[in-house]
Structures are given as structure tokens and as C-alpha cells.
Amino acid sequence: MKRIIALIAIVGVAFLSACSSTQSLQEYYVDSTENPNFISVDVPTSVLKLEDADLTEKQRQALKSLKKLNLLAFKKTTENAEEFKIEKAKVNAILKNDEFIELMKLNSQYGKGVIKYLGDEDAIDEVIIFGSSDDKGFALIRVLGDDMNPANLVQLMQAIQKSDYDGEGLGEIGKFLRG
């Protein structure tokens, strides 16, 4: 009887391991916060200081749908170049999961990136922005909210660009993202 129970336990552990072989984005964030090569910040939407800004009704709706931003950045140096490749590959593997729906690809002088989301087209729960540069490193931003609308989010991004917000409250990650 003990052998049967042990066999069932081994098979169960093997099954669970096989099912969860790919790390979730949340697990990746948690695991990376202890790594000294990463800068991690959780930012409430209030830090954007848009409550008193001159926003349209759609922009106000978009702001209300936001909860917070999780920012994670890997700053590449000559000493951690190999780890950079490994960590970038991990993020790319996570984002290849079918649950993430691609919104757009980014390609600029600063690097390449992708914007993906979780949820329905009209009610997005999470937007993921991943950008990387082989020279500087990469940044992974999770925009968390309730029933976010893509069109409203675009309007909100335009409002942030027009606002006086200069990245204060982001600490080290703000410096990294600016340059």
C-alpha cells in the first residue's frame, strides 16, 4: 500500500511539474526582485498626478480603470551580459504563451518591443509592455486594471505625454527608462 501511495505521489508531482514548466509573468516578477541586476517598482496610478489635469471624459474613464503599474528593468553591463541574454530569453518565452494577445510591435532607435494584453478586447485586465535594447537592457511594464479599453488607454497615454509628469516617484527605474 505504501508503494502505491508513493507511486501516486511521484506521478502527481511529475504531472504538476510538467503542467507548470513555464514560469508565469507574476512569478518572474517576484523571482527577479531579489536579483541585484533588476530594478523593480510598483507604482500606484496616483503618482501620475492626472487627477487635476484637463482630461476628456474618455481619458478620465481610462484613468479610473487603472489600478497600478509594475515596472521591472534589467540594466545591462559588461559584467552581466550573459545573464541579460538568459533573462531576456525567459521573458520572451513567458510572453509567447497564447494567453497574451499581441496589440502591437515596437521598433525604434532605442530598441525593440511588444505590447500585449490579457483579457477581452473590450475589457482588458492587464497590458504588458516589453522593450529591450542590446546595449542598455530591458524593461517590462505591467499595467494592471479593471476592464480597460484599448482606445481609452491610447487617449490616456496621450494625456500623460501632454502632462507635466516627469517620471518622479519612479526612483532608479525612472532614470533607467529616461536614458
C-alpha atoms as a PDB file:
ATOM      1  CA  MET A   1       0.000   0.000   0.000  1.00  0.00           C
ATOM      2  CA  LYS A   2       2.866   2.396   0.824  1.00  0.00           C
ATOM      3  CA  ARG A   3       4.389   1.755  -2.608  1.00  0.00           C
ATOM      4  CA  ILE A   4       1.123   2.614  -4.341  1.00  0.00           C
ATOM      5  CA  ILE A   5       0.800   5.869  -2.376  1.00  0.00           C
ATOM      6  CA  ALA A   6       4.438   6.733  -3.102  1.00  0.00           C
ATOM      7  CA  LEU A   7       3.930   5.977  -6.807  1.00  0.00           C
ATOM      8  CA  ILE A   8       0.798   8.145  -6.930  1.00  0.00           C
ATOM      9  CA  ALA A   9       2.680  10.966  -5.192  1.00  0.00           C
ATOM     10  CA  ILE A  10       5.584  10.761  -7.654  1.00  0.00           C
ATOM     11  CA  VAL A  11       3.259  10.712 -10.650  1.00  0.00           C
ATOM     12  CA  GLY A  12       1.310  13.657  -9.199  1.00  0.00           C
ATOM     13  CA  VAL A  13       4.459  15.736  -8.660  1.00  0.00           C
ATOM     14  CA  ALA A  14       5.706  14.885 -12.161  1.00  0.00           C
ATOM     15  CA  PHE A  15       2.331  15.865 -13.643  1.00  0.00           C
ATOM     16  CA  LEU A  16       2.263  19.189 -11.801  1.00  0.00           C
ATOM     17  CA  SER A  17       5.845  19.929 -12.809  1.00  0.00           C
ATOM     18  CA  ALA A  18       5.085  19.218 -16.462  1.00  0.00           C
ATOM     19  CA  CYS A  19       1.985  21.426 -16.408  1.00  0.00           C
ATOM     20  CA  SER A  20       3.751  24.414 -14.892  1.00  0.00           C
ATOM     21  CA  SER A  21       7.096  24.249 -16.666  1.00  0.00           C
ATOM     22  CA  THR A  22       6.755  27.808 -17.941  1.00  0.00           C
ATOM     23  CA  GLN A  23       7.008  30.442 -15.289  1.00  0.00           C
ATOM     24  CA  SER A  24       4.134  32.929 -15.091  1.00  0.00           C
ATOM     25  CA  LEU A  25       4.796  36.630 -15.537  1.00  0.00           C
ATOM     26  CA  GLN A  26       3.859  37.261 -11.899  1.00  0.00           C
ATOM     27  CA  GLU A  27       6.293  34.551 -10.732  1.00  0.00           C
ATOM     28  CA  TYR A  28       9.006  36.081 -12.904  1.00  0.00           C
ATOM     29  CA  TYR A  29       8.457  39.497 -11.296  1.00  0.00           C
ATOM     30  CA  VAL A  30       8.611  38.037  -7.795  1.00  0.00           C
ATOM     31  CA  ASP A  31      11.716  35.945  -8.508  1.00  0.00           C
ATOM     32  CA  SER A  32      13.538  38.855 -10.151  1.00  0.00           C
ATOM     33  CA  THR A  33      13.090  41.349  -7.318  1.00  0.00           C
ATOM     34  CA  GLU A  34      15.842  39.595  -5.343  1.00  0.00           C
ATOM     35  CA  ASN A  35      18.304  39.767  -8.249  1.00  0.00           C
ATOM     36  CA  PRO A  36      20.660  42.788  -7.960  1.00  0.00           C
ATOM     37  CA  ASN A  37      20.664  43.248 -11.760  1.00  0.00           C
ATOM     38  CA  PHE A  38      16.986  44.193 -11.656  1.00  0.00           C
ATOM     39  CA  ILE A  39      15.261  47.379 -10.619  1.00  0.00           C
ATOM     40  CA  SER A  40      11.663  46.829  -9.519  1.00  0.00           C
ATOM     41  CA  VAL A  41       8.956  49.357  -8.651  1.00  0.00           C
ATOM     42  CA  ASP A  42       5.213  49.096  -8.042  1.00  0.00           C
ATOM     43  CA  VAL A  43       3.619  52.405  -8.918  1.00  0.00           C
ATOM     44  CA  PRO A  44       0.094  53.469  -7.950  1.00  0.00           C
ATOM     45  CA  THR A  45      -1.677  55.465 -10.643  1.00  0.00           C
ATOM     46  CA  SER A  46      -1.851  58.446  -8.285  1.00  0.00           C
ATOM     47  CA  VAL A  47       1.865  59.057  -8.934  1.00  0.00           C
ATOM     48  CA  LEU A  48       0.931  60.132 -12.485  1.00  0.00           C
ATOM     49  CA  LYS A  49      -0.739  63.210 -10.950  1.00  0.00           C
ATOM     50  CA  LEU A  50      -3.543  63.354 -13.504  1.00  0.00           C
ATOM     51  CA  GLU A  51      -6.445  63.892 -11.091  1.00  0.00           C
ATOM     52  CA  ASP A  52      -6.368  67.662 -11.625  1.00  0.00           C
ATOM     53  CA  ALA A  53      -5.330  67.544 -15.291  1.00  0.00           C
ATOM     54  CA  ASP A  54      -7.627  68.729 -18.052  1.00  0.00           C
ATOM     55  CA  LEU A  55      -8.763  65.296 -19.273  1.00  0.00           C
ATOM     56  CA  THR A  56     -11.567  64.321 -21.614  1.00  0.00           C
ATOM     57  CA  GLU A  57     -14.312  62.024 -20.311  1.00  0.00           C
ATOM     58  CA  LYS A  58     -12.720  59.041 -22.114  1.00  0.00           C
ATOM     59  CA  GLN A  59      -9.353  59.819 -20.552  1.00  0.00           C
ATOM     60  CA  ARG A  60     -10.980  60.043 -17.093  1.00  0.00           C
ATOM     61  CA  GLN A  61     -12.643  56.652 -17.675  1.00  0.00           C
ATOM     62  CA  ALA A  62      -9.294  55.176 -18.678  1.00  0.00           C
ATOM     63  CA  LEU A  63      -7.639  56.622 -15.563  1.00  0.00           C
ATOM     64  CA  LYS A  64     -10.377  55.151 -13.336  1.00  0.00           C
ATOM     65  CA  SER A  65      -9.869  51.707 -14.907  1.00  0.00           C
ATOM     66  CA  LEU A  66      -6.163  51.670 -13.956  1.00  0.00           C
ATOM     67  CA  LYS A  67      -5.023  50.195 -10.646  1.00  0.00           C
ATOM     68  CA  LYS A  68      -1.244  50.254 -10.716  1.00  0.00           C
ATOM     69  CA  LEU A  69       1.896  49.756 -12.759  1.00  0.00           C
ATOM     70  CA  ASN A  70       4.540  47.105 -12.065  1.00  0.00           C
ATOM     71  CA  LEU A  71       7.893  48.095 -13.521  1.00  0.00           C
ATOM     72  CA  LEU A  72      10.841  45.723 -13.804  1.00  0.00           C
ATOM     73  CA  ALA A  73      14.071  46.625 -15.567  1.00  0.00           C
ATOM     74  CA  PHE A  74      17.305  44.757 -16.188  1.00  0.00           C
ATOM     75  CA  LYS A  75      20.216  47.153 -16.588  1.00  0.00           C
ATOM     76  CA  LYS A  76      22.828  45.518 -18.813  1.00  0.00           C
ATOM     77  CA  THR A  77      26.521  45.897 -18.054  1.00  0.00           C
ATOM     78  CA  THR A  78      29.615  44.199 -19.427  1.00  0.00           C
ATOM     79  CA  GLU A  79      29.685  42.024 -16.294  1.00  0.00           C
ATOM     80  CA  ASN A  80      26.113  40.687 -16.679  1.00  0.00           C
ATOM     81  CA  ALA A  81      25.880  40.356 -20.480  1.00  0.00           C
ATOM     82  CA  GLU A  82      25.355  36.578 -20.345  1.00  0.00           C
ATOM     83  CA  GLU A  83      22.689  36.868 -17.661  1.00  0.00           C
ATOM     84  CA  PHE A  84      20.984  39.544 -19.786  1.00  0.00           C
ATOM     85  CA  LYS A  85      20.632  37.047 -22.644  1.00  0.00           C
ATOM     86  CA  ILE A  86      19.225  34.403 -20.288  1.00  0.00           C
ATOM     87  CA  GLU A  87      16.727  36.757 -18.625  1.00  0.00           C
ATOM     88  CA  LYS A  88      15.598  38.215 -21.953  1.00  0.00           C
ATOM     89  CA  ALA A  89      15.005  34.680 -23.268  1.00  0.00           C
ATOM     90  CA  LYS A  90      12.940  33.865 -20.153  1.00  0.00           C
ATOM     91  CA  VAL A  91      10.686  36.894 -20.699  1.00  0.00           C
ATOM     92  CA  ASN A  92      10.264  36.100 -24.394  1.00  0.00           C
ATOM     93  CA  ALA A  93       9.287  32.511 -23.502  1.00  0.00           C
ATOM     94  CA  ILE A  94       6.686  33.726 -20.999  1.00  0.00           C
ATOM     95  CA  LEU A  95       5.220  36.223 -23.472  1.00  0.00           C
ATOM     96  CA  LYS A  96       4.899  33.549 -26.186  1.00  0.00           C
ATOM     97  CA  ASN A  97       2.110  31.980 -24.114  1.00  0.00           C
ATOM     98  CA  ASP A  98      -1.183  32.009 -26.043  1.00  0.00           C
ATOM     99  CA  GLU A  99      -2.963  33.794 -23.194  1.00  0.00           C
ATOM    100  CA  PHE A 100      -1.113  37.005 -24.153  1.00  0.00           C
ATOM    101  CA  ILE A 101      -2.687  38.727 -27.149  1.00  0.00           C
ATOM    102  CA  GLU A 102      -0.387  40.933 -29.188  1.00  0.00           C
ATOM    103  CA  LEU A 103      -1.536  44.505 -29.614  1.00  0.00           C
ATOM    104  CA  MET A 104       1.488  45.891 -31.450  1.00  0.00           C
ATOM    105  CA  LYS A 105       5.212  45.559 -32.044  1.00  0.00           C
ATOM    106  CA  LEU A 106       7.598  48.419 -31.410  1.00  0.00           C
ATOM    107  CA  ASN A 107      10.824  49.191 -33.236  1.00  0.00           C
ATOM    108  CA  SER A 108      12.725  52.394 -32.611  1.00  0.00           C
ATOM    109  CA  GLN A 109      16.234  53.772 -32.338  1.00  0.00           C
ATOM    110  CA  TYR A 110      16.156  52.814 -28.642  1.00  0.00           C
ATOM    111  CA  GLY A 111      15.336  49.145 -29.187  1.00  0.00           C
ATOM    112  CA  LYS A 112      12.575  46.691 -29.965  1.00  0.00           C
ATOM    113  CA  GLY A 113       9.471  45.839 -28.045  1.00  0.00           C
ATOM    114  CA  VAL A 114       5.996  44.459 -27.952  1.00  0.00           C
ATOM    115  CA  ILE A 115       2.712  45.390 -26.302  1.00  0.00           C
ATOM    116  CA  LYS A 116       0.447  42.519 -25.316  1.00  0.00           C
ATOM    117  CA  TYR A 117      -2.634  42.191 -23.160  1.00  0.00           C
ATOM    118  CA  LEU A 118      -4.690  39.758 -21.109  1.00  0.00           C
ATOM    119  CA  GLY A 119      -8.473  39.785 -21.154  1.00  0.00           C
ATOM    120  CA  ASP A 120     -11.080  40.555 -23.779  1.00  0.00           C
ATOM    121  CA  GLU A 121     -10.661  43.197 -26.477  1.00  0.00           C
ATOM    122  CA  ASP A 122     -13.205  45.468 -24.806  1.00  0.00           C
ATOM    123  CA  ALA A 123     -12.296  44.650 -21.203  1.00  0.00           C
ATOM    124  CA  ILE A 124      -8.536  44.326 -20.773  1.00  0.00           C
ATOM    125  CA  ASP A 125      -7.292  43.378 -17.299  1.00  0.00           C
ATOM    126  CA  GLU A 126      -3.557  43.684 -17.915  1.00  0.00           C
ATOM    127  CA  VAL A 127      -1.345  45.325 -20.535  1.00  0.00           C
ATOM    128  CA  ILE A 128       2.254  44.167 -20.839  1.00  0.00           C
ATOM    129  CA  ILE A 129       4.884  46.372 -22.419  1.00  0.00           C
ATOM    130  CA  PHE A 130       8.251  44.728 -23.045  1.00  0.00           C
ATOM    131  CA  GLY A 131      11.088  46.681 -24.583  1.00  0.00           C
ATOM    132  CA  SER A 132      14.728  45.754 -24.933  1.00  0.00           C
ATOM    133  CA  SER A 133      17.964  47.196 -26.179  1.00  0.00           C
ATOM    134  CA  ASP A 134      21.074  45.060 -26.627  1.00  0.00           C
ATOM    135  CA  ASP A 135      23.107  47.977 -25.266  1.00  0.00           C
ATOM    136  CA  LYS A 136      21.094  49.068 -22.215  1.00  0.00           C
ATOM    137  CA  GLY A 137      18.957  46.108 -21.089  1.00  0.00           C
ATOM    138  CA  PHE A 138      15.216  45.655 -20.970  1.00  0.00           C
ATOM    139  CA  ALA A 139      12.111  46.925 -19.246  1.00  0.00           C
ATOM    140  CA  LEU A 140       8.945  45.005 -18.527  1.00  0.00           C
ATOM    141  CA  ILE A 141       5.887  47.028 -17.542  1.00  0.00           C
ATOM    142  CA  ARG A 142       2.594  45.548 -16.381  1.00  0.00           C
ATOM    143  CA  VAL A 143      -0.353  47.944 -16.447  1.00  0.00           C
ATOM    144  CA  LEU A 144      -2.987  46.439 -14.152  1.00  0.00           C
ATOM    145  CA  GLY A 145      -6.621  47.481 -14.127  1.00  0.00           C
ATOM    146  CA  ASP A 146     -10.246  46.515 -14.495  1.00  0.00           C
ATOM    147  CA  ASP A 147     -12.000  46.408 -17.851  1.00  0.00           C
ATOM    148  CA  MET A 148      -9.540  48.741 -19.544  1.00  0.00           C
ATOM    149  CA  ASN A 149     -10.494  49.828 -23.045  1.00  0.00           C
ATOM    150  CA  PRO A 150      -7.620  49.971 -25.596  1.00  0.00           C
ATOM    151  CA  ALA A 151      -8.926  53.143 -27.247  1.00  0.00           C
ATOM    152  CA  ASN A 152      -9.227  54.885 -23.883  1.00  0.00           C
ATOM    153  CA  LEU A 153      -5.724  53.755 -22.920  1.00  0.00           C
ATOM    154  CA  VAL A 154      -4.306  55.350 -26.060  1.00  0.00           C
ATOM    155  CA  GLN A 155      -6.077  58.584 -25.104  1.00  0.00           C
ATOM    156  CA  LEU A 156      -4.670  58.336 -21.589  1.00  0.00           C
ATOM    157  CA  MET A 157      -1.130  57.833 -22.921  1.00  0.00           C
ATOM    158  CA  GLN A 158      -1.590  61.000 -24.975  1.00  0.00           C
ATOM    159  CA  ALA A 159      -2.737  62.858 -21.864  1.00  0.00           C
ATOM    160  CA  ILE A 160       0.317  61.668 -19.916  1.00  0.00           C
ATOM    161  CA  GLN A 161       2.584  62.880 -22.726  1.00  0.00           C
ATOM    162  CA  LYS A 162       0.941  66.330 -22.566  1.00  0.00           C
ATOM    163  CA  SER A 163       1.059  66.485 -18.758  1.00  0.00           C
ATOM    164  CA  ASP A 164       3.822  67.857 -16.549  1.00  0.00           C
ATOM    165  CA  TYR A 165       4.665  64.355 -15.304  1.00  0.00           C
ATOM    166  CA  ASP A 166       8.428  63.896 -15.461  1.00  0.00           C
ATOM    167  CA  GLY A 167       8.862  60.416 -14.015  1.00  0.00           C
ATOM    168  CA  GLU A 168       9.134  61.468 -10.380  1.00  0.00           C
ATOM    169  CA  GLY A 169       8.230  58.738  -7.945  1.00  0.00           C
ATOM    170  CA  LEU A 170       9.841  56.046 -10.083  1.00  0.00           C
ATOM    171  CA  GLY A 171      13.279  56.280  -8.447  1.00  0.00           C
ATOM    172  CA  GLU A 172      16.070  54.329 -10.150  1.00  0.00           C
ATOM    173  CA  ILE A 173      13.783  52.857 -12.771  1.00  0.00           C
ATOM    174  CA  GLY A 174      12.776  56.340 -13.914  1.00  0.00           C
ATOM    175  CA  LYS A 175      16.434  57.186 -14.574  1.00  0.00           C
ATOM    176  CA  PHE A 176      16.871  53.891 -16.417  1.00  0.00           C
ATOM    177  CA  LEU A 177      13.814  54.439 -18.617  1.00  0.00           C
ATOM    178  CA  ARG A 178      14.857  58.008 -19.489  1.00  0.00           C
ATOM    179  CA  GLY A 179      18.314  57.183 -20.655  1.00  0.00           C
END
